[in-house]
N, C-alpha and C. Protein backbone atom coordinates (compact mmCIF):
# COMPACT_ATOMS: atom_id res chain seq x y z
N UNK A 1 42.95 2.09 35.95
CA UNK A 1 42.61 2.07 34.55
C UNK A 1 41.47 3.06 34.29
N UNK A 2 41.73 3.99 33.42
CA UNK A 2 40.72 4.95 33.01
C UNK A 2 40.50 4.85 31.51
N UNK A 3 39.25 4.84 31.12
CA UNK A 3 38.96 4.88 29.70
C UNK A 3 39.35 6.24 29.14
N UNK A 4 39.74 6.24 27.89
CA UNK A 4 40.11 7.47 27.20
C UNK A 4 39.13 7.68 26.05
N UNK A 5 39.02 8.91 25.57
CA UNK A 5 38.06 9.18 24.50
C UNK A 5 38.24 8.30 23.27
N UNK A 6 39.48 8.02 22.89
CA UNK A 6 39.70 7.19 21.70
C UNK A 6 39.18 5.76 21.91
N UNK A 7 39.08 5.32 23.17
CA UNK A 7 38.55 3.99 23.45
C UNK A 7 37.10 3.88 23.00
N UNK A 8 36.35 4.95 23.18
CA UNK A 8 34.95 4.95 22.80
C UNK A 8 34.83 4.85 21.28
N UNK A 9 35.67 5.55 20.57
CA UNK A 9 35.65 5.50 19.10
C UNK A 9 36.03 4.10 18.63
N UNK A 10 37.02 3.49 19.26
CA UNK A 10 37.42 2.13 18.92
C UNK A 10 36.26 1.17 19.17
N UNK A 11 35.60 1.30 20.32
CA UNK A 11 34.48 0.40 20.64
C UNK A 11 33.36 0.53 19.62
N UNK A 12 33.04 1.76 19.24
CA UNK A 12 31.98 1.97 18.25
C UNK A 12 32.38 1.36 16.91
N UNK A 13 33.63 1.54 16.53
CA UNK A 13 34.09 0.97 15.26
C UNK A 13 34.01 -0.55 15.31
N UNK A 14 34.45 -1.16 16.40
CA UNK A 14 34.40 -2.62 16.50
C UNK A 14 32.96 -3.14 16.49
N UNK A 15 32.04 -2.34 16.99
CA UNK A 15 30.62 -2.74 16.97
C UNK A 15 30.07 -2.75 15.55
N UNK A 16 30.68 -2.01 14.65
CA UNK A 16 30.18 -1.92 13.27
C UNK A 16 30.90 -2.86 12.31
N UNK A 17 31.91 -3.54 12.80
CA UNK A 17 32.69 -4.44 11.94
C UNK A 17 32.20 -5.87 12.12
N UNK A 18 32.02 -6.56 11.02
CA UNK A 18 31.61 -7.96 11.07
C UNK A 18 32.60 -8.75 11.92
N UNK A 19 32.08 -9.63 12.77
CA UNK A 19 32.91 -10.39 13.69
C UNK A 19 34.08 -11.07 12.96
N UNK A 20 35.25 -10.88 13.54
CA UNK A 20 36.44 -11.50 12.97
C UNK A 20 36.96 -10.77 11.75
N UNK A 21 36.25 -9.75 11.31
CA UNK A 21 36.64 -9.03 10.10
C UNK A 21 37.50 -7.82 10.36
N UNK A 22 38.14 -7.79 11.50
CA UNK A 22 39.00 -6.65 11.78
C UNK A 22 40.36 -7.12 12.27
N UNK A 23 41.31 -6.24 12.11
CA UNK A 23 42.65 -6.46 12.65
C UNK A 23 43.08 -5.14 13.28
N UNK A 24 44.07 -5.18 14.11
CA UNK A 24 44.55 -3.93 14.73
C UNK A 24 44.97 -2.92 13.66
N UNK A 25 45.72 -3.34 12.63
CA UNK A 25 46.09 -2.37 11.59
C UNK A 25 44.89 -1.81 10.82
N UNK A 26 43.87 -2.65 10.56
CA UNK A 26 42.72 -2.15 9.81
C UNK A 26 41.91 -1.14 10.62
N UNK A 27 41.74 -1.39 11.91
CA UNK A 27 41.03 -0.44 12.77
C UNK A 27 41.85 0.83 12.93
N UNK A 28 43.15 0.68 13.10
CA UNK A 28 44.02 1.84 13.24
C UNK A 28 43.93 2.74 12.00
N UNK A 29 43.98 2.13 10.83
CA UNK A 29 43.90 2.91 9.59
C UNK A 29 42.54 3.60 9.46
N UNK A 30 41.47 2.90 9.79
CA UNK A 30 40.13 3.46 9.67
C UNK A 30 39.90 4.62 10.63
N UNK A 31 40.58 4.60 11.77
CA UNK A 31 40.35 5.61 12.80
C UNK A 31 41.49 6.63 12.92
N UNK A 32 42.46 6.55 12.03
CA UNK A 32 43.62 7.46 12.08
C UNK A 32 44.32 7.40 13.44
N UNK A 33 44.47 6.19 13.93
CA UNK A 33 45.19 5.94 15.18
C UNK A 33 46.37 5.02 14.89
N UNK A 34 47.28 4.93 15.83
CA UNK A 34 48.37 3.97 15.66
C UNK A 34 47.88 2.59 16.08
N UNK A 35 48.56 1.57 15.62
CA UNK A 35 48.21 0.20 16.00
C UNK A 35 48.33 0.05 17.52
N UNK A 36 49.35 0.65 18.09
CA UNK A 36 49.54 0.59 19.54
C UNK A 36 48.38 1.24 20.30
N UNK A 37 47.89 2.36 19.79
CA UNK A 37 46.75 3.02 20.44
C UNK A 37 45.51 2.14 20.41
N UNK A 38 45.28 1.49 19.28
CA UNK A 38 44.12 0.60 19.17
C UNK A 38 44.27 -0.58 20.13
N UNK A 39 45.46 -1.15 20.19
CA UNK A 39 45.71 -2.28 21.09
C UNK A 39 45.46 -1.88 22.54
N UNK A 40 45.97 -0.72 22.95
CA UNK A 40 45.77 -0.25 24.32
C UNK A 40 44.28 0.04 24.58
N UNK A 41 43.60 0.57 23.58
CA UNK A 41 42.16 0.84 23.73
C UNK A 41 41.38 -0.45 23.95
N UNK A 42 41.69 -1.46 23.17
CA UNK A 42 41.00 -2.75 23.31
C UNK A 42 41.26 -3.32 24.70
N UNK A 43 42.47 -3.20 25.19
CA UNK A 43 42.79 -3.70 26.54
C UNK A 43 41.98 -2.94 27.60
N UNK A 44 41.92 -1.60 27.48
CA UNK A 44 41.15 -0.82 28.46
C UNK A 44 39.66 -1.16 28.37
N UNK A 45 39.14 -1.32 27.16
CA UNK A 45 37.73 -1.68 26.98
C UNK A 45 37.44 -3.05 27.58
N UNK A 46 38.38 -3.96 27.44
CA UNK A 46 38.22 -5.29 28.02
C UNK A 46 38.21 -5.22 29.55
N UNK A 47 39.10 -4.45 30.11
CA UNK A 47 39.15 -4.29 31.57
C UNK A 47 37.87 -3.64 32.09
N UNK A 48 37.27 -2.77 31.29
CA UNK A 48 36.03 -2.08 31.68
C UNK A 48 34.79 -2.92 31.40
N UNK A 49 34.98 -4.14 30.91
CA UNK A 49 33.88 -5.06 30.59
C UNK A 49 33.00 -4.55 29.45
N UNK A 50 33.58 -3.75 28.56
CA UNK A 50 32.85 -3.26 27.39
C UNK A 50 33.20 -4.10 26.16
N UNK A 51 34.32 -4.78 26.21
CA UNK A 51 34.79 -5.60 25.09
C UNK A 51 35.02 -7.03 25.58
N UNK A 52 34.62 -7.99 24.76
CA UNK A 52 34.79 -9.41 25.09
C UNK A 52 35.93 -9.97 24.24
N UNK A 53 37.04 -10.32 24.88
CA UNK A 53 38.21 -10.83 24.15
C UNK A 53 37.93 -12.16 23.46
N UNK A 54 37.03 -12.95 23.99
CA UNK A 54 36.75 -14.27 23.41
C UNK A 54 35.98 -14.18 22.10
N UNK A 55 35.03 -13.26 22.04
CA UNK A 55 34.25 -13.10 20.80
C UNK A 55 34.83 -12.03 19.88
N UNK A 56 35.82 -11.31 20.39
CA UNK A 56 36.46 -10.21 19.65
C UNK A 56 35.44 -9.16 19.21
N UNK A 57 34.49 -8.88 20.11
CA UNK A 57 33.45 -7.90 19.82
C UNK A 57 33.07 -7.18 21.11
N UNK A 58 32.57 -5.96 20.98
CA UNK A 58 32.07 -5.28 22.18
C UNK A 58 30.89 -6.02 22.77
N UNK A 59 30.72 -5.88 24.05
CA UNK A 59 29.53 -6.40 24.74
C UNK A 59 28.46 -5.33 24.54
N UNK A 60 27.50 -5.64 23.70
CA UNK A 60 26.54 -4.61 23.28
C UNK A 60 25.85 -3.93 24.44
N UNK A 61 25.36 -4.69 25.40
CA UNK A 61 24.63 -4.09 26.52
C UNK A 61 25.53 -3.14 27.31
N UNK A 62 26.76 -3.54 27.55
CA UNK A 62 27.69 -2.70 28.30
C UNK A 62 28.06 -1.45 27.50
N UNK A 63 28.34 -1.64 26.22
CA UNK A 63 28.68 -0.50 25.38
C UNK A 63 27.51 0.48 25.31
N UNK A 64 26.33 -0.05 25.07
CA UNK A 64 25.14 0.80 24.97
C UNK A 64 24.90 1.56 26.27
N UNK A 65 25.02 0.88 27.39
CA UNK A 65 24.81 1.53 28.69
C UNK A 65 25.81 2.65 28.90
N UNK A 66 27.08 2.40 28.58
CA UNK A 66 28.10 3.43 28.78
C UNK A 66 27.89 4.60 27.83
N UNK A 67 27.56 4.33 26.56
CA UNK A 67 27.36 5.41 25.61
C UNK A 67 26.18 6.29 26.01
N UNK A 68 25.12 5.67 26.48
CA UNK A 68 23.92 6.43 26.82
C UNK A 68 24.02 7.10 28.19
N UNK A 69 24.59 6.42 29.17
CA UNK A 69 24.57 6.96 30.52
C UNK A 69 25.91 7.46 31.05
N UNK A 70 27.02 7.06 30.44
CA UNK A 70 28.31 7.42 31.01
C UNK A 70 29.14 8.43 30.25
N UNK A 71 29.08 8.38 28.93
CA UNK A 71 29.97 9.22 28.13
C UNK A 71 29.76 10.71 28.39
N UNK A 72 28.50 11.12 28.55
CA UNK A 72 28.24 12.56 28.75
C UNK A 72 28.86 13.08 30.04
N UNK A 73 29.08 12.19 31.02
CA UNK A 73 29.72 12.60 32.26
C UNK A 73 31.23 12.42 32.20
N UNK A 74 31.68 11.34 31.59
CA UNK A 74 33.11 11.07 31.50
C UNK A 74 33.81 11.99 30.50
N UNK A 75 33.11 12.32 29.41
CA UNK A 75 33.69 13.14 28.35
C UNK A 75 32.69 14.21 27.91
N UNK A 76 32.41 15.20 28.78
CA UNK A 76 31.40 16.19 28.46
C UNK A 76 31.81 17.04 27.25
N UNK A 77 30.80 17.49 26.55
CA UNK A 77 31.02 18.33 25.37
C UNK A 77 31.26 19.77 25.81
N UNK A 78 32.08 20.46 25.04
CA UNK A 78 32.30 21.89 25.27
C UNK A 78 31.83 22.64 24.04
N UNK A 79 31.13 23.73 24.28
CA UNK A 79 30.70 24.61 23.19
C UNK A 79 31.62 25.82 23.22
N UNK A 80 32.15 26.14 22.06
CA UNK A 80 33.11 27.24 21.99
C UNK A 80 32.65 28.27 20.99
N UNK A 81 33.60 29.00 20.45
CA UNK A 81 33.30 30.11 19.54
C UNK A 81 32.85 29.64 18.16
N UNK A 82 32.45 30.58 17.35
CA UNK A 82 32.00 30.29 15.99
C UNK A 82 33.19 29.82 15.13
N UNK A 83 32.90 28.86 14.25
CA UNK A 83 33.93 28.32 13.37
C UNK A 83 33.26 27.62 12.19
N UNK A 84 34.06 27.22 11.24
CA UNK A 84 33.58 26.40 10.13
C UNK A 84 33.92 24.96 10.44
N UNK A 85 33.02 24.07 10.06
CA UNK A 85 33.31 22.68 10.34
C UNK A 85 32.26 21.74 9.79
N UNK A 86 32.23 20.57 10.40
CA UNK A 86 31.33 19.48 9.99
C UNK A 86 30.20 19.41 11.00
N UNK A 87 28.95 19.47 10.55
CA UNK A 87 27.82 19.43 11.48
C UNK A 87 27.83 18.16 12.34
N UNK A 88 27.38 18.32 13.58
CA UNK A 88 27.26 17.19 14.49
C UNK A 88 25.98 17.34 15.31
N UNK A 89 25.73 16.37 16.17
CA UNK A 89 24.55 16.34 17.05
C UNK A 89 23.28 16.54 16.23
N UNK A 90 22.41 17.48 16.61
CA UNK A 90 21.13 17.66 15.93
C UNK A 90 21.26 18.23 14.52
N UNK A 91 22.44 18.74 14.17
CA UNK A 91 22.63 19.33 12.84
C UNK A 91 23.12 18.30 11.81
N UNK A 92 23.36 17.07 12.23
CA UNK A 92 23.90 16.02 11.36
C UNK A 92 22.90 14.87 11.24
N UNK A 93 23.09 14.04 10.21
CA UNK A 93 22.23 12.86 10.08
C UNK A 93 22.48 11.90 11.24
N UNK A 94 21.49 11.25 11.73
CA UNK A 94 20.11 11.22 11.30
C UNK A 94 19.21 12.22 12.04
N UNK A 95 19.73 12.87 13.07
CA UNK A 95 18.88 13.78 13.86
C UNK A 95 18.36 14.96 13.06
N UNK A 96 19.15 15.44 12.09
CA UNK A 96 18.71 16.62 11.34
C UNK A 96 17.48 16.36 10.48
N UNK A 97 17.17 15.10 10.25
CA UNK A 97 15.97 14.79 9.45
C UNK A 97 14.71 14.69 10.30
N UNK A 98 14.85 14.64 11.62
CA UNK A 98 13.68 14.53 12.49
C UNK A 98 13.53 15.68 13.48
N UNK A 99 14.57 16.48 13.63
CA UNK A 99 14.50 17.64 14.52
C UNK A 99 14.65 18.92 13.71
N UNK A 100 13.87 19.92 14.05
CA UNK A 100 14.00 21.21 13.37
C UNK A 100 15.10 22.01 14.04
N UNK A 101 15.87 22.71 13.22
CA UNK A 101 17.01 23.44 13.74
C UNK A 101 16.64 24.78 14.36
N UNK A 102 15.56 25.36 13.94
CA UNK A 102 15.20 26.67 14.44
C UNK A 102 16.21 27.70 13.98
N UNK A 103 16.43 28.70 14.80
CA UNK A 103 17.37 29.77 14.43
C UNK A 103 18.72 29.61 15.09
N UNK A 104 18.89 28.56 15.87
CA UNK A 104 20.17 28.33 16.54
C UNK A 104 21.26 28.00 15.54
N UNK A 105 22.46 28.46 15.84
CA UNK A 105 23.61 28.08 15.02
C UNK A 105 23.90 26.60 15.27
N UNK A 106 24.25 25.86 14.23
CA UNK A 106 24.48 24.43 14.41
C UNK A 106 25.79 24.13 15.12
N UNK A 107 25.84 23.02 15.84
CA UNK A 107 27.11 22.58 16.41
C UNK A 107 27.96 21.94 15.30
N UNK A 108 29.25 22.26 15.29
CA UNK A 108 30.15 21.70 14.28
C UNK A 108 31.46 21.27 14.91
N UNK A 109 32.04 20.23 14.32
CA UNK A 109 33.40 19.86 14.67
C UNK A 109 34.30 20.71 13.78
N UNK A 110 35.23 21.44 14.34
CA UNK A 110 36.12 22.26 13.50
C UNK A 110 36.90 21.38 12.53
N UNK A 111 36.93 21.80 11.27
CA UNK A 111 37.69 21.06 10.27
C UNK A 111 37.97 21.98 9.09
N UNK A 112 39.18 21.91 8.52
CA UNK A 112 39.53 22.82 7.43
C UNK A 112 38.64 22.69 6.19
N UNK A 113 38.08 21.52 5.95
CA UNK A 113 37.22 21.36 4.78
C UNK A 113 35.74 21.52 5.12
N UNK A 114 35.46 21.90 6.36
CA UNK A 114 34.07 22.08 6.78
C UNK A 114 33.39 23.18 5.99
N UNK A 115 32.13 22.97 5.69
CA UNK A 115 31.38 23.93 4.87
C UNK A 115 30.24 24.60 5.63
N UNK A 116 30.11 24.31 6.93
CA UNK A 116 29.01 24.85 7.71
C UNK A 116 29.56 25.77 8.80
N UNK A 117 28.97 26.95 8.91
CA UNK A 117 29.34 27.90 9.96
C UNK A 117 28.47 27.58 11.18
N UNK A 118 29.11 27.42 12.34
CA UNK A 118 28.38 27.13 13.56
C UNK A 118 29.28 27.29 14.76
N UNK A 119 28.77 26.89 15.92
CA UNK A 119 29.61 26.99 17.11
C UNK A 119 30.41 25.69 17.25
N UNK A 120 31.65 25.85 17.69
CA UNK A 120 32.53 24.70 17.85
C UNK A 120 32.02 23.79 18.95
N UNK A 121 31.84 22.54 18.59
CA UNK A 121 31.42 21.50 19.52
C UNK A 121 32.61 20.56 19.63
N UNK A 122 33.25 20.55 20.77
CA UNK A 122 34.48 19.78 20.93
C UNK A 122 34.23 18.30 20.64
N UNK A 123 34.94 17.76 19.64
CA UNK A 123 34.75 16.34 19.35
C UNK A 123 35.26 15.46 20.49
N UNK A 124 34.73 14.26 20.55
CA UNK A 124 35.14 13.31 21.56
C UNK A 124 36.65 13.10 21.54
N UNK A 125 37.22 13.08 20.35
CA UNK A 125 38.66 12.90 20.18
C UNK A 125 39.06 13.70 18.94
N UNK A 126 40.29 14.11 18.86
CA UNK A 126 40.71 15.02 17.79
C UNK A 126 40.52 14.47 16.38
N UNK A 127 40.54 13.16 16.20
CA UNK A 127 40.42 12.59 14.86
C UNK A 127 38.97 12.34 14.42
N UNK A 128 38.01 12.63 15.28
CA UNK A 128 36.60 12.37 14.96
C UNK A 128 36.14 12.99 13.65
N UNK A 129 36.46 14.27 13.36
CA UNK A 129 35.99 14.82 12.08
C UNK A 129 36.51 14.04 10.87
N UNK A 130 37.76 13.63 10.90
CA UNK A 130 38.31 12.88 9.77
C UNK A 130 37.67 11.50 9.67
N UNK A 131 37.46 10.85 10.80
CA UNK A 131 36.79 9.54 10.81
C UNK A 131 35.41 9.68 10.19
N UNK A 132 34.69 10.72 10.58
CA UNK A 132 33.34 10.96 10.07
C UNK A 132 33.34 11.19 8.56
N UNK A 133 34.32 11.92 8.07
CA UNK A 133 34.40 12.17 6.63
C UNK A 133 34.69 10.89 5.84
N UNK A 134 35.41 9.96 6.46
CA UNK A 134 35.81 8.73 5.78
C UNK A 134 34.79 7.60 5.90
N UNK A 135 33.87 7.67 6.87
CA UNK A 135 32.97 6.56 7.15
C UNK A 135 31.59 7.08 7.55
N UNK A 136 30.63 7.06 6.62
CA UNK A 136 29.29 7.59 6.91
C UNK A 136 28.60 6.93 8.11
N UNK A 137 28.80 5.64 8.31
CA UNK A 137 28.17 4.96 9.45
C UNK A 137 28.76 5.47 10.76
N UNK A 138 30.08 5.62 10.81
CA UNK A 138 30.71 6.17 12.01
C UNK A 138 30.27 7.62 12.23
N UNK A 139 30.11 8.37 11.15
CA UNK A 139 29.63 9.75 11.26
C UNK A 139 28.28 9.79 11.97
N UNK A 140 27.36 8.95 11.53
CA UNK A 140 26.04 8.90 12.16
C UNK A 140 26.14 8.56 13.64
N UNK A 141 26.90 7.53 13.97
CA UNK A 141 27.00 7.09 15.35
C UNK A 141 27.68 8.13 16.23
N UNK A 142 28.73 8.77 15.73
CA UNK A 142 29.43 9.79 16.51
C UNK A 142 28.58 11.05 16.67
N UNK A 143 27.80 11.40 15.64
CA UNK A 143 26.90 12.54 15.74
C UNK A 143 25.78 12.25 16.74
N UNK A 144 25.26 11.03 16.74
CA UNK A 144 24.25 10.64 17.72
C UNK A 144 24.84 10.70 19.13
N UNK A 145 26.06 10.25 19.27
CA UNK A 145 26.72 10.31 20.58
C UNK A 145 26.85 11.76 21.03
N UNK A 146 27.14 12.66 20.12
CA UNK A 146 27.22 14.08 20.47
C UNK A 146 25.84 14.63 20.85
N UNK A 147 24.79 14.08 20.25
CA UNK A 147 23.45 14.47 20.65
C UNK A 147 23.20 14.11 22.11
N UNK A 148 23.78 13.02 22.56
CA UNK A 148 23.67 12.60 23.96
C UNK A 148 24.59 13.45 24.83
N UNK A 149 25.81 13.68 24.36
CA UNK A 149 26.80 14.43 25.14
C UNK A 149 26.40 15.88 25.38
N UNK A 150 25.74 16.48 24.40
CA UNK A 150 25.51 17.92 24.53
C UNK A 150 24.14 18.41 24.17
N UNK A 151 23.20 17.53 24.01
CA UNK A 151 21.87 17.95 23.58
C UNK A 151 20.93 18.24 24.73
N UNK A 152 19.81 18.85 24.37
CA UNK A 152 18.75 19.05 25.35
C UNK A 152 18.01 17.74 25.58
N UNK A 153 17.03 17.75 26.46
CA UNK A 153 16.33 16.52 26.85
C UNK A 153 15.71 15.81 25.65
N UNK A 154 15.02 16.55 24.79
CA UNK A 154 14.36 15.92 23.63
C UNK A 154 15.39 15.33 22.66
N UNK A 155 16.44 16.09 22.39
CA UNK A 155 17.49 15.63 21.49
C UNK A 155 18.20 14.40 22.07
N UNK A 156 18.51 14.44 23.35
CA UNK A 156 19.17 13.30 24.01
C UNK A 156 18.33 12.05 23.91
N UNK A 157 17.06 12.16 24.21
CA UNK A 157 16.16 11.00 24.18
C UNK A 157 16.13 10.37 22.79
N UNK A 158 15.96 11.21 21.78
CA UNK A 158 15.91 10.70 20.41
C UNK A 158 17.27 10.10 20.00
N UNK A 159 18.35 10.77 20.37
CA UNK A 159 19.69 10.26 20.05
C UNK A 159 19.93 8.92 20.73
N UNK A 160 19.48 8.76 21.97
CA UNK A 160 19.63 7.49 22.69
C UNK A 160 18.90 6.37 21.96
N UNK A 161 17.67 6.64 21.55
CA UNK A 161 16.88 5.63 20.84
C UNK A 161 17.52 5.23 19.53
N UNK A 162 17.95 6.22 18.75
CA UNK A 162 18.55 5.94 17.44
C UNK A 162 19.90 5.25 17.58
N UNK A 163 20.69 5.65 18.56
CA UNK A 163 21.99 5.02 18.78
C UNK A 163 21.81 3.56 19.17
N UNK A 164 20.89 3.30 20.09
CA UNK A 164 20.61 1.91 20.51
C UNK A 164 20.16 1.07 19.32
N UNK A 165 19.26 1.62 18.53
CA UNK A 165 18.75 0.91 17.36
C UNK A 165 19.87 0.58 16.38
N UNK A 166 20.74 1.54 16.13
CA UNK A 166 21.83 1.33 15.17
C UNK A 166 22.88 0.35 15.69
N UNK A 167 23.14 0.39 16.98
CA UNK A 167 24.08 -0.59 17.56
C UNK A 167 23.52 -1.99 17.45
N UNK A 168 22.23 -2.14 17.74
CA UNK A 168 21.61 -3.47 17.62
C UNK A 168 21.70 -3.97 16.18
N UNK A 169 21.38 -3.11 15.23
CA UNK A 169 21.44 -3.50 13.82
C UNK A 169 22.85 -3.91 13.43
N UNK A 170 23.82 -3.12 13.82
CA UNK A 170 25.21 -3.38 13.45
C UNK A 170 25.72 -4.68 14.06
N UNK A 171 25.35 -4.92 15.30
CA UNK A 171 25.90 -6.08 15.99
C UNK A 171 25.11 -7.36 15.75
N UNK A 172 23.95 -7.29 15.13
CA UNK A 172 23.18 -8.49 14.84
C UNK A 172 23.53 -9.08 13.48
N UNK A 173 24.52 -8.53 12.82
CA UNK A 173 24.91 -9.05 11.52
C UNK A 173 25.65 -10.37 11.64
N UNK A 174 26.05 -10.74 12.84
CA UNK A 174 26.76 -11.99 13.04
C UNK A 174 26.18 -12.72 14.25
N UNK A 175 26.03 -14.03 14.20
CA UNK A 175 25.49 -14.77 15.34
C UNK A 175 26.34 -14.62 16.60
N UNK A 176 27.65 -14.43 16.44
CA UNK A 176 28.51 -14.31 17.61
C UNK A 176 28.30 -12.99 18.33
N UNK A 177 27.71 -12.01 17.66
CA UNK A 177 27.43 -10.74 18.31
C UNK A 177 26.49 -10.94 19.49
N UNK A 178 25.58 -11.87 19.38
CA UNK A 178 24.66 -12.11 20.48
C UNK A 178 25.39 -12.71 21.67
N UNK A 179 26.45 -13.47 21.42
CA UNK A 179 27.25 -13.96 22.53
C UNK A 179 27.91 -12.79 23.25
N UNK A 180 28.36 -11.80 22.48
CA UNK A 180 28.96 -10.63 23.09
C UNK A 180 27.93 -9.86 23.90
N UNK A 181 26.69 -9.88 23.44
CA UNK A 181 25.62 -9.18 24.16
C UNK A 181 25.31 -9.92 25.47
N UNK A 182 25.28 -11.23 25.41
CA UNK A 182 24.88 -12.02 26.57
C UNK A 182 25.98 -12.08 27.63
N UNK A 183 27.23 -11.96 27.23
CA UNK A 183 28.32 -12.15 28.21
C UNK A 183 28.66 -10.88 28.94
């Protein structure tokens, strides 16, 4: 069993959804995935001990650990040629409000409606730009994850702190989330 990039997006989405407030079709629609893909992702996440089937929520500590320490190795970012797209990593919220961009070209996810010229930063999964356009909270979390995947030491550290903080906030909206954290 190997985790796939879409599994990480599913896990992040489930961490932001109120406990019990999701269904396979609703997550599939929100992430532009098929219901079958979401179901397989949840199974792989469960096998990897990142998702708790009993609470129907990610295990926050496991998810946080993997996002901060594992994703950059399992799914490294690639920087490619110049393109138009949607800003990510340090060029996107919330990092862009606390880090100065300098003269470097911003990292962007290629997208036809993108309005920023920068270097192509390979998204974790092909649907990430569309997910980000449809869901501001997911955009923030995925951009922070890219800060970890492809940033320098200072950017990574700040992205780790902000991602952890946002996951805690998202998962504390329900008392059962703490069960997912503890298990």
